[in-house]
Amino acid sequence: MSKIKVNNKGIEVDLDFDELNKIDGIETIKEEIPEVVSIHDKYQIFKKNYKVKNTIMEITPLLCVIAFLILGFLFNKWHPGWVVFLLIPLMPIILYTKNNKIKNLITILIVILFLCIGFIFDKWHPGWIVLLFIPVFNIIFKGK
């Protein structure tokens, strides 16, 4: 149940979006409180985006399994192929992080690069140096 409080010219109204969607006379409410138009429209856009993001989240494990099987059967890359399963826990970070999305994504890519260098080339020792780019990158792009 999503509720929001709207204060328009000293008039406070509690809006329940679930109930708001059921009301036939929504136009009357929109005329009485003009801010409801933008709030209701923003809520509808949010709901639509949320549904798309959830759909992507739901199909990610299936896509990872398919990619893993393709890598294994067609290219005989079973061992490095497991890396595709890292997408499952990473998808919420990629989809739902609003602020610093690029910084989070770069951090994730650097960690994946480190794992690939280690597992594919067995170069764990010099490979750890790429992890130093995480704090360097975050310091350079601190406020962005």
Protein backbone atom coordinates (compact mmCIF):
# COMPACT_ATOMS: atom_id res chain seq x y z
CA MET A 1 0.00 0.00 0.00
CA SER A 2 1.71 3.19 -1.20
CA LYS A 3 0.64 6.40 0.50
CA ILE A 4 1.78 9.93 -0.13
CA LYS A 5 0.90 13.18 1.55
CA VAL A 6 0.20 16.14 -0.76
CA ASN A 7 0.17 19.66 0.62
CA ASN A 8 -1.44 22.12 -1.80
CA LYS A 9 -2.00 25.67 -0.57
CA GLY A 10 -2.35 24.57 3.03
CA ILE A 11 -4.66 21.64 2.22
CA GLU A 12 -3.16 18.30 3.16
CA VAL A 13 -4.45 15.18 1.46
CA ASP A 14 -3.38 11.59 2.00
CA LEU A 15 -3.36 9.72 -1.30
CA ASP A 16 -3.36 5.96 -1.50
CA PHE A 17 -2.14 5.07 -4.99
CA ASP A 18 -3.83 1.69 -4.93
CA GLU A 19 -7.14 3.42 -4.30
CA LEU A 20 -6.28 6.21 -6.72
CA ASN A 21 -5.93 3.69 -9.55
CA LYS A 22 -9.41 2.33 -8.80
CA ILE A 23 -11.19 5.70 -8.78
CA ASP A 24 -13.30 6.38 -11.86
CA GLY A 25 -13.47 10.10 -11.17
CA ILE A 26 -9.71 10.71 -11.15
CA GLU A 27 -10.27 13.81 -13.30
CA THR A 28 -12.18 15.42 -10.41
CA ILE A 29 -9.27 14.85 -8.08
CA LYS A 30 -6.86 16.22 -10.68
CA GLU A 31 -8.94 19.40 -10.99
CA GLU A 32 -9.09 19.93 -7.22
CA ILE A 33 -5.39 19.28 -6.61
CA PRO A 34 -3.27 19.93 -9.74
CA GLU A 35 -0.15 18.37 -8.17
CA VAL A 36 -1.90 14.99 -8.23
CA VAL A 37 -1.53 14.98 -12.00
CA SER A 38 2.23 15.05 -11.88
CA ILE A 39 2.48 12.78 -8.83
CA HIS A 40 0.10 10.23 -10.30
CA ASP A 41 1.84 10.34 -13.69
CA LYS A 42 5.26 9.95 -12.05
CA TYR A 43 3.92 7.03 -10.06
CA GLN A 44 2.64 5.34 -13.23
CA ILE A 45 6.01 5.82 -14.94
CA PHE A 46 7.76 4.46 -11.84
CA LYS A 47 5.46 1.44 -11.80
CA LYS A 48 6.15 0.73 -15.47
CA ASN A 49 9.94 1.06 -15.06
CA TYR A 50 9.84 -1.10 -11.95
CA LYS A 51 7.98 -3.81 -13.84
CA VAL A 52 10.57 -3.79 -16.66
CA LYS A 53 13.45 -3.97 -14.17
CA ASN A 54 11.81 -6.85 -12.31
CA THR A 55 11.32 -8.73 -15.58
CA ILE A 56 15.01 -8.33 -16.38
CA MET A 57 15.86 -9.55 -12.88
CA GLU A 58 13.63 -12.59 -13.29
CA ILE A 59 15.10 -13.73 -16.61
CA THR A 60 18.76 -13.14 -15.66
CA PRO A 61 19.30 -16.59 -14.06
CA LEU A 62 17.83 -18.35 -17.10
CA LEU A 63 20.01 -16.30 -19.47
CA CYS A 64 23.07 -17.09 -17.35
CA VAL A 65 22.36 -20.81 -17.50
CA ILE A 66 21.89 -20.65 -21.28
CA ALA A 67 25.12 -18.66 -21.72
CA PHE A 68 26.99 -21.10 -19.46
CA LEU A 69 25.75 -24.11 -21.41
CA ILE A 70 26.63 -22.49 -24.75
CA LEU A 71 30.13 -21.67 -23.50
CA GLY A 72 30.53 -25.21 -22.19
CA PHE A 73 29.13 -27.31 -25.01
CA LEU A 74 30.18 -25.23 -28.02
CA PHE A 75 33.53 -23.85 -26.84
CA ASN A 76 34.44 -26.28 -24.04
CA LYS A 77 34.93 -23.32 -21.65
CA TRP A 78 33.22 -24.78 -18.61
CA HIS A 79 35.75 -23.41 -16.15
CA PRO A 80 35.81 -19.72 -17.13
CA GLY A 81 32.17 -19.94 -18.21
CA TRP A 82 30.92 -19.89 -14.62
CA VAL A 83 31.76 -16.17 -14.51
CA VAL A 84 28.43 -15.46 -16.26
CA PHE A 85 26.70 -16.43 -13.02
CA LEU A 86 28.14 -13.28 -11.43
CA LEU A 87 25.47 -11.38 -13.33
CA ILE A 88 22.77 -12.75 -11.03
CA PRO A 89 23.86 -10.85 -7.89
CA LEU A 90 25.10 -7.90 -9.96
CA MET A 91 21.81 -7.16 -11.70
CA PRO A 92 20.20 -5.44 -8.69
CA ILE A 93 23.25 -3.18 -8.41
CA ILE A 94 23.16 -2.37 -12.10
CA LEU A 95 19.39 -1.86 -12.32
CA TYR A 96 18.44 -0.28 -9.02
CA THR A 97 21.42 1.87 -8.06
CA LYS A 98 20.40 5.44 -8.78
CA ASN A 99 23.43 7.44 -7.67
CA ASN A 100 26.96 6.61 -8.76
CA LYS A 101 25.79 3.96 -11.21
CA ILE A 102 28.93 4.34 -13.35
CA LYS A 103 31.23 4.18 -10.33
CA ASN A 104 29.56 0.99 -9.13
CA LEU A 105 29.68 -0.54 -12.59
CA ILE A 106 33.39 0.27 -13.03
CA THR A 107 34.12 -1.28 -9.63
CA ILE A 108 32.26 -4.44 -10.60
CA LEU A 109 34.06 -4.62 -13.96
CA ILE A 110 37.45 -4.26 -12.27
CA VAL A 111 36.67 -7.13 -9.88
CA ILE A 112 35.48 -9.28 -12.80
CA LEU A 113 38.65 -8.41 -14.70
CA PHE A 114 40.72 -9.51 -11.69
CA LEU A 115 38.84 -12.81 -11.49
CA CYS A 116 39.26 -13.42 -15.22
CA ILE A 117 43.01 -12.70 -15.08
CA GLY A 118 43.31 -15.11 -12.16
CA PHE A 119 41.17 -17.98 -13.41
CA ILE A 120 41.89 -17.81 -17.14
CA PHE A 121 45.58 -16.87 -17.15
CA ASP A 122 46.46 -18.04 -13.61
CA LYS A 123 48.15 -14.70 -12.93
CA TRP A 124 46.81 -13.91 -9.49
CA HIS A 125 50.01 -12.22 -8.36
CA PRO A 126 50.33 -9.45 -10.91
CA GLY A 127 46.56 -9.48 -11.43
CA TRP A 128 45.81 -7.98 -8.02
CA ILE A 129 47.29 -4.71 -9.25
CA VAL A 130 44.08 -4.00 -11.21
CA LEU A 131 42.25 -3.86 -7.86
CA LEU A 132 44.25 -0.73 -7.04
CA PHE A 133 42.30 1.05 -9.75
CA ILE A 134 39.12 0.89 -7.64
CA PRO A 135 40.17 3.48 -5.00
CA VAL A 136 42.07 5.50 -7.62
CA PHE A 137 38.97 5.67 -9.82
CA ASN A 138 36.75 6.58 -6.86
CA ILE A 139 39.14 9.35 -5.76
CA ILE A 140 39.36 10.83 -9.27
CA PHE A 141 35.60 10.77 -9.81
CA LYS A 142 34.64 11.51 -6.19
CA GLY A 143 31.78 13.94 -6.68
CA LYS A 144 30.43 12.58 -9.96
